Amino acid sequence: MEVLNTDVFTELKQVTGSNLLKDILPKKLATSIVPVIDINPKHSWFTNVQNSGFSTAANTTTTIYTTPTTSDFFLTGFTLALSADATSTLTAAAIKYYNENNKEIVLAYLSKPSVIADSQTLSLSFPPLKIARGTNISLQLYGGVTANHACGGSIWGHLVGNNQVVY
């Protein structure tokens, strides 16, 4: 059975840059495609994003990722790491973000016990969590006047254009 779908022919011509009347492979593809229903094919794409931030400075906020203002970002995981020696006065590290109501949310928080050396890592993956457009996902260090500590944070997720589907 030959499938004659002008939309498929047009799409193949645009994507491949081929002449469907002369080129055998694109014509073969266009005439033997198994029909599949995709209710919104122009809106089923996304771009993966992975960023990280690092700091050794006391009482600082480091931007890990700034969400774009023209598309939605969905966070799907993070890693937060803290390492400090016994002389460090660092008290905690956190990853924070803003939700759709522009309310700051602490996503993860690691506290350092006082007067002992400590190293901690927390890593989680989860279903897509929408982050407000044009806001920062940040690494926050609390306390600490000495520099005997280091903290890092990584995030991953995907970017979806206007009115597009999240998978």
Foldseek 3Di string as FASTA:
>chain_A
DWDDDVVLVVVLCVVVVDDLVPDDVSVVCNGPDDDDDDPCVVFADWAKDKWKDKDLDAFDKDFGDFAAQFWWWWWFKKKKKKWFAQPWFWFKKFKWAAAQVRDIDTPDMDTDDHRHTDIDMDMDGHPTGIGHHGITTIMGIHTTPDRRMMMMMMTMTIIGGPPHDDD
